[in-house]
Amino acid sequence: MHNEATISGLAALADMVKRSRFGNHVFFNENLHVNTTNICTLACRFCAFRRGSRHHEAYALTPKEFISRIEPFSNTIDEVHAVGGLHPQWNVYDYANLFHDVKLRFPKISIKSLTAVEVKHIAKRSGISTKEALRILLDSGLDSLPGGGAEILVDSVRNRICRGKELSREYLAIHGEAHELGIPTNCTMLFGTVETVKDRMTHLDLLREQQDKSGGFLCFVPYPFLPDRTRLPEATLPSSEEIIRVIAISRIMLDNIPHVKAYRMNIGDDLATIAIKSGADDIDGTVGHEEIMHEAGSKVRTDYNRDDIARLVESTGQIAVKRNTDYTNTVVYRPNGHIHRLALPIAEQG
């Protein structure tokens, strides 16, 4: 299917699958990205964000600085998305204190934070299991995990592009532990580096199997490699058609994961509008600030408000639906603030 089906037929089939679940609706949220630190003990070959601790551009936000980033957006956003490097000194209690302070100041803002490898890193530094680390973080205010760090869940590929990161089974296990604790998560796939089509299919199959076991994945986010300022010259960059092909196949194959995202910070607005007609039902959010993709070469604007997002969705003939982090609160949103509550069978899906 990946190589043989026509792109038009594949996109149409994926769109039918999407519409059978969500009709003419496309989801977005009002969120803000705040990166905790760009200091990292690893040096993944595809990463343009990471800095060494002595680099003149290195930073590590204090809780006060982190909160100050949220403050200007606090009356509009309902989610803060926070990931960063593997800081050589921070442990689970540094993050627990941060989340506690954020929730104390902004109790209604959902905290989506820490990739699986970040959880592994801070658990190891704290001398506890990853599940115990997740339990501590949950108690401190963590609401959900992003899906970053999956890259390709084939260890031979990981050894080439992100040696030292968690193993494929560890990524899946940590997300499974989060699901057991009632923490919903996303999952991702970075494609267009050195992986084969077979590797991509293996990745999707592993996510599907994990979802059958633990059932806590909310959304799958496939995104292509952006090559600027990285050390991966052998990357086989995907074309726009291939990006749409991967998104469509993901929607068809991952029938047990409710949502598939067209991550516009990575693929851009134009391709995102094609993707939400080709199987994707979510276009991410307002973002407010983003570093990781932009360090890698993204030129996508980060100053969109909810009217801008709604107009982008409506340009495809579909209806924008504003959501919260876990899709349990949804309202149809029209530009200029016109809303009405939407009842979708979200909880029964997946």
C-alpha atoms as a PDB file:
ATOM      1  CA  MET A   1       0.000   0.000   0.000  1.00  0.00           C
ATOM      2  CA  HIS A   2       2.778   2.477   0.890  1.00  0.00           C
ATOM      3  CA  ASN A   3       4.290   2.533  -2.586  1.00  0.00           C
ATOM      4  CA  GLU A   4       1.701   0.905  -4.835  1.00  0.00           C
ATOM      5  CA  ALA A   5      -1.563   2.737  -4.151  1.00  0.00           C
ATOM      6  CA  THR A   6      -2.164   6.001  -5.990  1.00  0.00           C
ATOM      7  CA  ILE A   7      -1.881   9.033  -3.748  1.00  0.00           C
ATOM      8  CA  SER A   8      -5.362  10.209  -4.749  1.00  0.00           C
ATOM      9  CA  GLY A   9      -6.934   6.857  -3.904  1.00  0.00           C
ATOM     10  CA  LEU A  10      -5.029   6.536  -0.655  1.00  0.00           C
ATOM     11  CA  ALA A  11      -5.915  10.058   0.470  1.00  0.00           C
ATOM     12  CA  ALA A  12      -9.574   9.535  -0.423  1.00  0.00           C
ATOM     13  CA  LEU A  13      -9.738   6.285   1.561  1.00  0.00           C
ATOM     14  CA  ALA A  14      -8.057   7.881   4.576  1.00  0.00           C
ATOM     15  CA  ASP A  15     -10.444  10.838   4.364  1.00  0.00           C
ATOM     16  CA  MET A  16     -13.387   8.411   4.368  1.00  0.00           C
ATOM     17  CA  VAL A  17     -12.012   6.776   7.516  1.00  0.00           C
ATOM     18  CA  LYS A  18     -11.580  10.176   9.160  1.00  0.00           C
ATOM     19  CA  ARG A  19     -15.074  11.312   8.188  1.00  0.00           C
ATOM     20  CA  SER A  20     -16.635   8.075   9.437  1.00  0.00           C
ATOM     21  CA  ARG A  21     -15.372   9.020  12.901  1.00  0.00           C
ATOM     22  CA  PHE A  22     -15.449  12.810  12.975  1.00  0.00           C
ATOM     23  CA  GLY A  23     -17.488  13.917  10.005  1.00  0.00           C
ATOM     24  CA  ASN A  24     -16.486  17.308   8.650  1.00  0.00           C
ATOM     25  CA  HIS A  25     -14.746  18.396  11.859  1.00  0.00           C
ATOM     26  CA  VAL A  26     -11.078  19.223  12.389  1.00  0.00           C
ATOM     27  CA  PHE A  27      -9.718  19.777  15.893  1.00  0.00           C
ATOM     28  CA  PHE A  28      -7.362  22.392  17.290  1.00  0.00           C
ATOM     29  CA  ASN A  29      -6.488  23.769  20.699  1.00  0.00           C
ATOM     30  CA  GLU A  30      -5.115  26.969  22.171  1.00  0.00           C
ATOM     31  CA  ASN A  31      -1.702  25.970  23.400  1.00  0.00           C
ATOM     32  CA  LEU A  32       1.742  27.351  24.118  1.00  0.00           C
ATOM     33  CA  HIS A  33       5.103  25.649  23.673  1.00  0.00           C
ATOM     34  CA  VAL A  34       7.679  26.379  26.368  1.00  0.00           C
ATOM     35  CA  ASN A  35      10.954  24.472  26.196  1.00  0.00           C
ATOM     36  CA  THR A  36      12.508  23.907  29.603  1.00  0.00           C
ATOM     37  CA  THR A  37      16.137  23.656  28.454  1.00  0.00           C
ATOM     38  CA  ASN A  38      18.185  23.092  25.318  1.00  0.00           C
ATOM     39  CA  ILE A  39      21.048  21.558  27.293  1.00  0.00           C
ATOM     40  CA  CYS A  40      21.253  17.845  26.590  1.00  0.00           C
ATOM     41  CA  THR A  41      23.563  14.994  27.514  1.00  0.00           C
ATOM     42  CA  LEU A  42      22.849  13.388  24.130  1.00  0.00           C
ATOM     43  CA  ALA A  43      23.695  14.623  20.656  1.00  0.00           C
ATOM     44  CA  CYS A  44      21.169  13.039  18.296  1.00  0.00           C
ATOM     45  CA  ARG A  45      22.237  13.452  14.698  1.00  0.00           C
ATOM     46  CA  PHE A  46      18.902  14.843  13.523  1.00  0.00           C
ATOM     47  CA  CYS A  47      18.541  17.431  16.311  1.00  0.00           C
ATOM     48  CA  ALA A  48      19.255  21.119  15.677  1.00  0.00           C
ATOM     49  CA  PHE A  49      17.865  22.226  19.049  1.00  0.00           C
ATOM     50  CA  ARG A  50      20.401  20.680  21.431  1.00  0.00           C
ATOM     51  CA  ARG A  51      23.276  22.691  22.940  1.00  0.00           C
ATOM     52  CA  GLY A  52      26.121  21.663  25.199  1.00  0.00           C
ATOM     53  CA  SER A  53      26.109  23.105  28.709  1.00  0.00           C
ATOM     54  CA  ARG A  54      28.963  25.519  27.889  1.00  0.00           C
ATOM     55  CA  HIS A  55      27.534  26.732  24.585  1.00  0.00           C
ATOM     56  CA  HIS A  56      26.797  30.457  24.516  1.00  0.00           C
ATOM     57  CA  GLU A  57      23.189  29.722  23.443  1.00  0.00           C
ATOM     58  CA  ALA A  58      22.545  27.155  26.197  1.00  0.00           C
ATOM     59  CA  TYR A  59      19.730  27.891  28.637  1.00  0.00           C
ATOM     60  CA  ALA A  60      17.803  26.239  31.467  1.00  0.00           C
ATOM     61  CA  LEU A  61      14.641  27.983  32.634  1.00  0.00           C
ATOM     62  CA  THR A  62      13.986  28.443  36.325  1.00  0.00           C
ATOM     63  CA  PRO A  63      10.381  27.871  37.502  1.00  0.00           C
ATOM     64  CA  LYS A  64       9.965  31.652  37.717  1.00  0.00           C
ATOM     65  CA  GLU A  65      11.195  32.092  34.131  1.00  0.00           C
ATOM     66  CA  PHE A  66       8.977  29.247  32.940  1.00  0.00           C
ATOM     67  CA  ILE A  67       5.915  30.822  34.532  1.00  0.00           C
ATOM     68  CA  SER A  68       6.820  34.217  33.056  1.00  0.00           C
ATOM     69  CA  ARG A  69       6.671  32.639  29.576  1.00  0.00           C
ATOM     70  CA  ILE A  70       3.117  31.477  30.245  1.00  0.00           C
ATOM     71  CA  GLU A  71       1.847  34.678  31.849  1.00  0.00           C
ATOM     72  CA  PRO A  72       1.182  36.708  28.654  1.00  0.00           C
ATOM     73  CA  PHE A  73      -0.907  33.832  27.234  1.00  0.00           C
ATOM     74  CA  SER A  74      -2.611  32.687  30.420  1.00  0.00           C
ATOM     75  CA  ASN A  75      -6.033  34.136  29.604  1.00  0.00           C
ATOM     76  CA  THR A  76      -6.283  32.402  26.227  1.00  0.00           C
ATOM     77  CA  ILE A  77      -4.457  29.061  26.310  1.00  0.00           C
ATOM     78  CA  ASP A  78      -5.682  25.851  27.885  1.00  0.00           C
ATOM     79  CA  GLU A  79      -2.486  23.832  27.473  1.00  0.00           C
ATOM     80  CA  VAL A  80       1.244  24.334  27.903  1.00  0.00           C
ATOM     81  CA  HIS A  81       3.430  21.907  25.966  1.00  0.00           C
ATOM     82  CA  ALA A  82       6.859  21.595  27.586  1.00  0.00           C
ATOM     83  CA  VAL A  83       9.755  19.422  26.458  1.00  0.00           C
ATOM     84  CA  GLY A  84      13.499  19.924  26.455  1.00  0.00           C
ATOM     85  CA  GLY A  85      16.919  18.355  26.549  1.00  0.00           C
ATOM     86  CA  LEU A  86      18.274  15.858  29.068  1.00  0.00           C
ATOM     87  CA  HIS A  87      19.726  18.271  31.587  1.00  0.00           C
ATOM     88  CA  PRO A  88      22.719  16.684  33.362  1.00  0.00           C
ATOM     89  CA  GLN A  89      21.647  17.931  36.806  1.00  0.00           C
ATOM     90  CA  TRP A  90      17.844  17.929  36.883  1.00  0.00           C
ATOM     91  CA  ASN A  91      15.899  15.061  38.454  1.00  0.00           C
ATOM     92  CA  VAL A  92      12.242  14.174  38.910  1.00  0.00           C
ATOM     93  CA  TYR A  93      11.798  16.568  41.826  1.00  0.00           C
ATOM     94  CA  ASP A  94      12.945  19.547  39.765  1.00  0.00           C
ATOM     95  CA  TYR A  95      10.070  18.857  37.377  1.00  0.00           C
ATOM     96  CA  ALA A  96       7.623  18.012  40.163  1.00  0.00           C
ATOM     97  CA  ASN A  97       8.340  21.379  41.786  1.00  0.00           C
ATOM     98  CA  LEU A  98       7.969  23.132  38.437  1.00  0.00           C
ATOM     99  CA  PHE A  99       4.605  21.502  37.702  1.00  0.00           C
ATOM    100  CA  HIS A 100       3.389  22.244  41.212  1.00  0.00           C
ATOM    101  CA  ASP A 101       4.280  25.923  40.810  1.00  0.00           C
ATOM    102  CA  VAL A 102       2.623  26.120  37.385  1.00  0.00           C
ATOM    103  CA  LYS A 103      -0.593  24.535  38.646  1.00  0.00           C
ATOM    104  CA  LEU A 104      -0.604  26.815  41.677  1.00  0.00           C
ATOM    105  CA  ARG A 105      -0.387  29.864  39.409  1.00  0.00           C
ATOM    106  CA  PHE A 106      -2.505  28.545  36.497  1.00  0.00           C
ATOM    107  CA  PRO A 107      -4.795  25.796  37.835  1.00  0.00           C
ATOM    108  CA  LYS A 108      -6.905  25.584  34.667  1.00  0.00           C
ATOM    109  CA  ILE A 109      -4.004  25.140  32.236  1.00  0.00           C
ATOM    110  CA  SER A 110      -3.239  21.538  31.276  1.00  0.00           C
ATOM    111  CA  ILE A 111       0.426  20.513  31.475  1.00  0.00           C
ATOM    112  CA  LYS A 112       1.608  18.284  28.626  1.00  0.00           C
ATOM    113  CA  SER A 113       5.264  17.624  29.299  1.00  0.00           C
ATOM    114  CA  LEU A 114       8.204  15.216  29.189  1.00  0.00           C
ATOM    115  CA  THR A 115       8.953  12.774  26.422  1.00  0.00           C
ATOM    116  CA  ALA A 116       9.655   9.143  27.271  1.00  0.00           C
ATOM    117  CA  VAL A 117      13.417   9.649  27.186  1.00  0.00           C
ATOM    118  CA  GLU A 118      13.113  12.638  29.541  1.00  0.00           C
ATOM    119  CA  VAL A 119      11.139  10.462  31.954  1.00  0.00           C
ATOM    120  CA  LYS A 120      13.804   7.747  31.730  1.00  0.00           C
ATOM    121  CA  HIS A 121      16.591  10.280  32.289  1.00  0.00           C
ATOM    122  CA  ILE A 122      15.132  11.973  35.346  1.00  0.00           C
ATOM    123  CA  ALA A 123      14.043   8.651  36.856  1.00  0.00           C
ATOM    124  CA  LYS A 124      17.585   7.327  36.546  1.00  0.00           C
ATOM    125  CA  ARG A 125      19.011  10.494  38.064  1.00  0.00           C
ATOM    126  CA  SER A 126      16.542  10.170  40.927  1.00  0.00           C
ATOM    127  CA  GLY A 127      17.303   6.501  41.558  1.00  0.00           C
ATOM    128  CA  ILE A 128      13.699   5.389  41.002  1.00  0.00           C
ATOM    129  CA  SER A 129      11.718   3.492  38.375  1.00  0.00           C
ATOM    130  CA  THR A 130      10.093   5.278  35.474  1.00  0.00           C
ATOM    131  CA  LYS A 131       6.669   4.319  36.786  1.00  0.00           C
ATOM    132  CA  GLU A 132       7.417   5.812  40.194  1.00  0.00           C
ATOM    133  CA  ALA A 133       8.705   8.955  38.484  1.00  0.00           C
ATOM    134  CA  LEU A 134       5.464   9.210  36.533  1.00  0.00           C
ATOM    135  CA  ARG A 135       3.461   8.757  39.721  1.00  0.00           C
ATOM    136  CA  ILE A 136       5.333  11.620  41.391  1.00  0.00           C
ATOM    137  CA  LEU A 137       4.867  13.844  38.351  1.00  0.00           C
ATOM    138  CA  LEU A 138       1.153  13.020  38.151  1.00  0.00           C
ATOM    139  CA  ASP A 139       0.705  13.982  41.786  1.00  0.00           C
ATOM    140  CA  SER A 140       2.535  17.268  41.164  1.00  0.00           C
ATOM    141  CA  GLY A 141       0.257  18.366  38.315  1.00  0.00           C
ATOM    142  CA  LEU A 142       1.352  16.629  35.100  1.00  0.00           C
ATOM    143  CA  ASP A 143      -1.714  15.987  32.910  1.00  0.00           C
ATOM    144  CA  SER A 144      -0.369  14.222  29.821  1.00  0.00           C
ATOM    145  CA  LEU A 145       2.769  13.222  27.931  1.00  0.00           C
ATOM    146  CA  PRO A 146       3.655  14.362  24.418  1.00  0.00           C
ATOM    147  CA  GLY A 147       4.741  11.677  21.991  1.00  0.00           C
ATOM    148  CA  GLY A 148       8.152  13.029  21.018  1.00  0.00           C
ATOM    149  CA  GLY A 149      11.219  10.841  20.898  1.00  0.00           C
ATOM    150  CA  ALA A 150       9.685   7.863  19.136  1.00  0.00           C
ATOM    151  CA  GLU A 151      11.601   8.733  15.946  1.00  0.00           C
ATOM    152  CA  ILE A 152      11.506   5.260  14.317  1.00  0.00           C
ATOM    153  CA  LEU A 153      10.843   2.350  16.659  1.00  0.00           C
ATOM    154  CA  VAL A 154      13.481   0.144  15.068  1.00  0.00           C
ATOM    155  CA  ASP A 155      16.660  -0.024  17.112  1.00  0.00           C
ATOM    156  CA  SER A 156      19.018  -0.381  14.134  1.00  0.00           C
ATOM    157  CA  VAL A 157      17.697   2.958  12.867  1.00  0.00           C
ATOM    158  CA  ARG A 158      17.861   4.526  16.337  1.00  0.00           C
ATOM    159  CA  ASN A 159      21.511   3.483  16.631  1.00  0.00           C
ATOM    160  CA  ARG A 160      22.251   5.546  13.524  1.00  0.00           C
ATOM    161  CA  ILE A 161      20.256   8.691  14.257  1.00  0.00           C
ATOM    162  CA  CYS A 162      19.871   8.898  18.058  1.00  0.00           C
ATOM    163  CA  ARG A 163      22.323   6.533  19.723  1.00  0.00           C
ATOM    164  CA  GLY A 164      21.968   6.637  23.491  1.00  0.00           C
ATOM    165  CA  LYS A 165      18.264   7.379  23.483  1.00  0.00           C
ATOM    166  CA  GLU A 166      15.773   4.927  24.943  1.00  0.00           C
ATOM    167  CA  LEU A 167      15.274   1.635  23.115  1.00  0.00           C
ATOM    168  CA  SER A 168      12.098   1.077  21.123  1.00  0.00           C
ATOM    169  CA  ARG A 169      10.699  -1.212  23.801  1.00  0.00           C
ATOM    170  CA  GLU A 170      11.504   1.374  26.484  1.00  0.00           C
ATOM    171  CA  TYR A 171       9.581   4.089  24.654  1.00  0.00           C
ATOM    172  CA  LEU A 172       6.550   1.816  24.436  1.00  0.00           C
ATOM    173  CA  ALA A 173       6.908   0.616  28.028  1.00  0.00           C
ATOM    174  CA  ILE A 174       7.055   4.136  29.475  1.00  0.00           C
ATOM    175  CA  HIS A 175       3.944   5.152  27.568  1.00  0.00           C
ATOM    176  CA  GLY A 176       2.276   1.947  28.740  1.00  0.00           C
ATOM    177  CA  GLU A 177       3.136   2.819  32.345  1.00  0.00           C
ATOM    178  CA  ALA A 178       1.667   6.280  31.880  1.00  0.00           C
ATOM    179  CA  HIS A 179      -1.529   4.757  30.532  1.00  0.00           C
ATOM    180  CA  GLU A 180      -1.741   2.408  33.540  1.00  0.00           C
ATOM    181  CA  LEU A 181      -1.570   5.460  35.810  1.00  0.00           C
ATOM    182  CA  GLY A 182      -4.313   7.207  33.866  1.00  0.00           C
ATOM    183  CA  ILE A 183      -1.981   9.640  32.098  1.00  0.00           C
ATOM    184  CA  PRO A 184      -2.981  10.007  28.418  1.00  0.00           C
ATOM    185  CA  THR A 185      -0.201  10.392  25.871  1.00  0.00           C
ATOM    186  CA  ASN A 186       0.450  11.109  22.230  1.00  0.00           C
ATOM    187  CA  CYS A 187       2.761   9.111  19.985  1.00  0.00           C
ATOM    188  CA  THR A 188       4.867  10.225  17.033  1.00  0.00           C
ATOM    189  CA  MET A 189       6.955   9.126  14.075  1.00  0.00           C
ATOM    190  CA  LEU A 190       9.887  11.036  12.595  1.00  0.00           C
ATOM    191  CA  PHE A 191      10.300   9.853   9.012  1.00  0.00           C
ATOM    192  CA  GLY A 192      12.605  10.749   6.153  1.00  0.00           C
ATOM    193  CA  THR A 193      15.970  10.117   7.816  1.00  0.00           C
ATOM    194  CA  VAL A 194      17.551   6.735   7.044  1.00  0.00           C
ATOM    195  CA  GLU A 195      14.616   4.391   7.633  1.00  0.00           C
ATOM    196  CA  THR A 196      13.011   2.125   5.037  1.00  0.00           C
ATOM    197  CA  VAL A 197       9.332   1.791   4.239  1.00  0.00           C
ATOM    198  CA  LYS A 198       9.415  -1.510   6.134  1.00  0.00           C
ATOM    199  CA  ASP A 199      10.772   0.323   9.186  1.00  0.00           C
ATOM    200  CA  ARG A 200       7.869   2.761   9.035  1.00  0.00           C
ATOM    201  CA  MET A 201       5.377  -0.091   8.893  1.00  0.00           C
ATOM    202  CA  THR A 202       7.092  -1.788  11.830  1.00  0.00           C
ATOM    203  CA  HIS A 203       6.805   1.457  13.773  1.00  0.00           C
ATOM    204  CA  LEU A 204       3.078   1.803  13.082  1.00  0.00           C
ATOM    205  CA  ASP A 205       2.461  -1.848  13.939  1.00  0.00           C
ATOM    206  CA  LEU A 206       4.250  -1.481  17.295  1.00  0.00           C
ATOM    207  CA  LEU A 207       2.141   1.563  18.184  1.00  0.00           C
ATOM    208  CA  ARG A 208      -0.991  -0.309  17.212  1.00  0.00           C
ATOM    209  CA  GLU A 209       0.007  -3.267  19.403  1.00  0.00           C
ATOM    210  CA  GLN A 210       0.797  -0.996  22.367  1.00  0.00           C
ATOM    211  CA  GLN A 211      -2.563   0.733  22.006  1.00  0.00           C
ATOM    212  CA  ASP A 212      -4.286  -2.647  22.108  1.00  0.00           C
ATOM    213  CA  LYS A 213      -2.490  -3.340  25.392  1.00  0.00           C
ATOM    214  CA  SER A 214      -2.777  -0.045  27.250  1.00  0.00           C
ATOM    215  CA  GLY A 215      -5.247   2.089  25.297  1.00  0.00           C
ATOM    216  CA  GLY A 216      -3.943   5.507  26.330  1.00  0.00           C
ATOM    217  CA  PHE A 217      -2.699   7.020  23.070  1.00  0.00           C
ATOM    218  CA  LEU A 218      -4.889   9.988  22.154  1.00  0.00           C
ATOM    219  CA  CYS A 219      -3.235  11.141  18.965  1.00  0.00           C
ATOM    220  CA  PHE A 220      -0.590  10.025  16.479  1.00  0.00           C
ATOM    221  CA  VAL A 221       1.683  12.743  15.088  1.00  0.00           C
ATOM    222  CA  PRO A 222       3.737  11.819  11.998  1.00  0.00           C
ATOM    223  CA  TYR A 223       6.223  14.440  10.841  1.00  0.00           C
ATOM    224  CA  PRO A 224       9.048  14.540   8.293  1.00  0.00           C
ATOM    225  CA  PHE A 225      12.672  15.245   9.054  1.00  0.00           C
ATOM    226  CA  LEU A 226      13.753  18.861   8.567  1.00  0.00           C
ATOM    227  CA  PRO A 227      17.406  18.895   7.493  1.00  0.00           C
ATOM    228  CA  ASP A 228      18.780  22.324   8.358  1.00  0.00           C
ATOM    229  CA  ARG A 229      21.683  22.526  10.835  1.00  0.00           C
ATOM    230  CA  THR A 230      21.885  18.802  11.572  1.00  0.00           C
ATOM    231  CA  ARG A 231      24.531  16.135  11.099  1.00  0.00           C
ATOM    232  CA  LEU A 232      22.568  13.725   8.934  1.00  0.00           C
ATOM    233  CA  PRO A 233      23.583  14.377   5.320  1.00  0.00           C
ATOM    234  CA  GLU A 234      22.490  10.885   4.218  1.00  0.00           C
ATOM    235  CA  ALA A 235      18.847  11.564   5.104  1.00  0.00           C
ATOM    236  CA  THR A 236      16.356  10.654   2.373  1.00  0.00           C
ATOM    237  CA  LEU A 237      14.053  13.642   2.632  1.00  0.00           C
ATOM    238  CA  PRO A 238      10.392  12.919   1.831  1.00  0.00           C
ATOM    239  CA  SER A 239       8.524  14.815  -0.852  1.00  0.00           C
ATOM    240  CA  SER A 240       5.219  16.537  -0.181  1.00  0.00           C
ATOM    241  CA  GLU A 241       3.418  13.607  -1.803  1.00  0.00           C
ATOM    242  CA  GLU A 242       5.225  11.146   0.437  1.00  0.00           C
ATOM    243  CA  ILE A 243       4.296  13.154   3.539  1.00  0.00           C
ATOM    244  CA  ILE A 244       0.614  12.975   2.593  1.00  0.00           C
ATOM    245  CA  ARG A 245       1.024   9.277   1.799  1.00  0.00           C
ATOM    246  CA  VAL A 246       2.435   8.577   5.269  1.00  0.00           C
ATOM    247  CA  ILE A 247      -0.345  10.549   6.980  1.00  0.00           C
ATOM    248  CA  ALA A 248      -3.014   8.727   4.977  1.00  0.00           C
ATOM    249  CA  ILE A 249      -1.538   5.286   5.668  1.00  0.00           C
ATOM    250  CA  SER A 250      -1.255   6.149   9.346  1.00  0.00           C
ATOM    251  CA  ARG A 251      -4.969   6.967   9.509  1.00  0.00           C
ATOM    252  CA  ILE A 252      -5.897   3.722   7.800  1.00  0.00           C
ATOM    253  CA  MET A 253      -3.545   1.523   9.809  1.00  0.00           C
ATOM    254  CA  LEU A 254      -3.962   3.015  13.279  1.00  0.00           C
ATOM    255  CA  ASP A 255      -7.659   2.368  13.616  1.00  0.00           C
ATOM    256  CA  ASN A 256      -7.357   2.051  17.412  1.00  0.00           C
ATOM    257  CA  ILE A 257      -5.761   5.482  17.962  1.00  0.00           C
ATOM    258  CA  PRO A 258      -8.518   8.103  17.768  1.00  0.00           C
ATOM    259  CA  HIS A 259      -6.721  11.092  16.273  1.00  0.00           C
ATOM    260  CA  VAL A 260      -4.064  11.776  13.636  1.00  0.00           C
ATOM    261  CA  LYS A 261      -2.432  15.187  13.608  1.00  0.00           C
ATOM    262  CA  ALA A 262      -1.239  17.317  10.718  1.00  0.00           C
ATOM    263  CA  TYR A 263       1.504  19.091  12.652  1.00  0.00           C
ATOM    264  CA  ARG A 264       1.645  22.416  10.884  1.00  0.00           C
ATOM    265  CA  MET A 265       4.746  23.595  12.806  1.00  0.00           C
ATOM    266  CA  ASN A 266       6.595  20.954  10.810  1.00  0.00           C
ATOM    267  CA  ILE A 267       4.805  20.537   7.500  1.00  0.00           C
ATOM    268  CA  GLY A 268       3.520  24.104   7.063  1.00  0.00           C
ATOM    269  CA  ASP A 269       0.037  25.493   6.581  1.00  0.00           C
ATOM    270  CA  ASP A 270      -0.348  24.595   2.895  1.00  0.00           C
ATOM    271  CA  LEU A 271       0.518  20.928   3.350  1.00  0.00           C
ATOM    272  CA  ALA A 272      -1.480  20.784   6.575  1.00  0.00           C
ATOM    273  CA  THR A 273      -4.623  21.807   4.696  1.00  0.00           C
ATOM    274  CA  ILE A 274      -4.045  18.912   2.292  1.00  0.00           C
ATOM    275  CA  ALA A 275      -3.361  16.546   5.191  1.00  0.00           C
ATOM    276  CA  ILE A 276      -6.688  17.337   6.894  1.00  0.00           C
ATOM    277  CA  LYS A 277      -8.369  16.279   3.651  1.00  0.00           C
ATOM    278  CA  SER A 278      -6.264  13.089   3.591  1.00  0.00           C
ATOM    279  CA  GLY A 279      -6.972  11.436   6.925  1.00  0.00           C
ATOM    280  CA  ALA A 280      -5.724  13.847   9.583  1.00  0.00           C
ATOM    281  CA  ASP A 281      -8.400  15.268  11.893  1.00  0.00           C
ATOM    282  CA  ASP A 282      -6.270  17.579  14.057  1.00  0.00           C
ATOM    283  CA  ILE A 283      -4.143  20.571  13.056  1.00  0.00           C
ATOM    284  CA  ASP A 284      -2.472  21.172  16.452  1.00  0.00           C
ATOM    285  CA  GLY A 285      -2.959  24.641  17.892  1.00  0.00           C
ATOM    286  CA  THR A 286      -2.027  28.262  18.237  1.00  0.00           C
ATOM    287  CA  VAL A 287       1.436  27.297  19.622  1.00  0.00           C
ATOM    288  CA  GLY A 288       2.492  30.841  20.544  1.00  0.00           C
ATOM    289  CA  HIS A 289       6.178  29.940  20.588  1.00  0.00           C
ATOM    290  CA  GLU A 290       8.155  27.029  19.150  1.00  0.00           C
ATOM    291  CA  GLU A 291      11.879  26.320  19.032  1.00  0.00           C
ATOM    292  CA  ILE A 292      12.642  22.718  18.106  1.00  0.00           C
ATOM    293  CA  MET A 293      11.155  22.702  14.594  1.00  0.00           C
ATOM    294  CA  HIS A 294      12.245  26.276  13.918  1.00  0.00           C
ATOM    295  CA  GLU A 295      15.840  25.522  14.874  1.00  0.00           C
ATOM    296  CA  ALA A 296      15.650  22.760  12.260  1.00  0.00           C
ATOM    297  CA  GLY A 297      14.442  25.129   9.553  1.00  0.00           C
ATOM    298  CA  SER A 298      10.679  25.559   9.936  1.00  0.00           C
ATOM    299  CA  LYS A 299       9.406  28.961   8.799  1.00  0.00           C
ATOM    300  CA  VAL A 300       5.809  28.461   9.964  1.00  0.00           C
ATOM    301  CA  ARG A 301       4.286  31.389  11.827  1.00  0.00           C
ATOM    302  CA  THR A 302       3.763  30.910  15.564  1.00  0.00           C
ATOM    303  CA  ASP A 303       1.554  33.952  16.166  1.00  0.00           C
ATOM    304  CA  TYR A 304      -1.764  32.467  15.031  1.00  0.00           C
ATOM    305  CA  ASN A 305      -4.817  32.983  17.199  1.00  0.00           C
ATOM    306  CA  ARG A 306      -7.908  30.788  17.209  1.00  0.00           C
ATOM    307  CA  ASP A 307      -9.564  32.836  14.461  1.00  0.00           C
ATOM    308  CA  ASP A 308      -6.551  32.252  12.208  1.00  0.00           C
ATOM    309  CA  ILE A 309      -6.667  28.511  12.872  1.00  0.00           C
ATOM    310  CA  ALA A 310     -10.412  28.374  12.248  1.00  0.00           C
ATOM    311  CA  ARG A 311     -10.033  30.219   8.946  1.00  0.00           C
ATOM    312  CA  LEU A 312      -7.279  27.793   7.909  1.00  0.00           C
ATOM    313  CA  VAL A 313      -9.580  24.838   8.577  1.00  0.00           C
ATOM    314  CA  GLU A 314     -12.545  26.492   6.884  1.00  0.00           C
ATOM    315  CA  SER A 315     -10.429  27.105   3.761  1.00  0.00           C
ATOM    316  CA  THR A 316     -10.681  23.337   3.191  1.00  0.00           C
ATOM    317  CA  GLY A 317     -14.463  23.335   3.458  1.00  0.00           C
ATOM    318  CA  GLN A 318     -14.395  21.773   6.928  1.00  0.00           C
ATOM    319  CA  ILE A 319     -15.446  22.924  10.389  1.00  0.00           C
ATOM    320  CA  ALA A 320     -12.974  23.916  13.117  1.00  0.00           C
ATOM    321  CA  VAL A 321     -13.546  22.381  16.542  1.00  0.00           C
ATOM    322  CA  LYS A 322     -11.775  23.840  19.544  1.00  0.00           C
ATOM    323  CA  ARG A 323     -10.780  21.111  22.008  1.00  0.00           C
ATOM    324  CA  ASN A 324      -9.018  20.625  25.288  1.00  0.00           C
ATOM    325  CA  THR A 325      -5.964  18.374  25.708  1.00  0.00           C
ATOM    326  CA  ASP A 326      -7.809  15.071  25.937  1.00  0.00           C
ATOM    327  CA  TYR A 327     -10.660  15.910  23.528  1.00  0.00           C
ATOM    328  CA  THR A 328     -13.290  15.682  26.276  1.00  0.00           C
ATOM    329  CA  ASN A 329     -14.428  19.291  25.849  1.00  0.00           C
ATOM    330  CA  THR A 330     -15.181  20.297  22.274  1.00  0.00           C
ATOM    331  CA  VAL A 331     -16.931  23.305  20.724  1.00  0.00           C
ATOM    332  CA  VAL A 332     -17.416  24.266  17.109  1.00  0.00           C
ATOM    333  CA  TYR A 333     -15.492  27.490  16.657  1.00  0.00           C
ATOM    334  CA  ARG A 334     -16.212  30.046  13.958  1.00  0.00           C
ATOM    335  CA  PRO A 335     -13.945  33.036  13.333  1.00  0.00           C
ATOM    336  CA  ASN A 336     -14.842  36.099  15.400  1.00  0.00           C
ATOM    337  CA  GLY A 337     -15.700  34.001  18.417  1.00  0.00           C
ATOM    338  CA  HIS A 338     -18.916  32.269  17.390  1.00  0.00           C
ATOM    339  CA  ILE A 339     -19.107  28.907  19.158  1.00  0.00           C
ATOM    340  CA  HIS A 340     -21.540  26.149  19.996  1.00  0.00           C
ATOM    341  CA  ARG A 341     -20.901  23.020  21.990  1.00  0.00           C
ATOM    342  CA  LEU A 342     -20.274  19.858  20.049  1.00  0.00           C
ATOM    343  CA  ALA A 343     -21.155  16.379  21.266  1.00  0.00           C
ATOM    344  CA  LEU A 344     -18.918  13.822  19.629  1.00  0.00           C
ATOM    345  CA  PRO A 345     -18.498  10.205  20.759  1.00  0.00           C
ATOM    346  CA  ILE A 346     -14.853  10.854  21.650  1.00  0.00           C
ATOM    347  CA  ALA A 347     -14.743   8.660  24.735  1.00  0.00           C
ATOM    348  CA  GLU A 348     -15.989   5.592  22.888  1.00  0.00           C
ATOM    349  CA  GLN A 349     -13.367   5.784  20.127  1.00  0.00           C
ATOM    350  CA  GLY A 350     -10.130   3.869  20.049  1.00  0.00           C
END
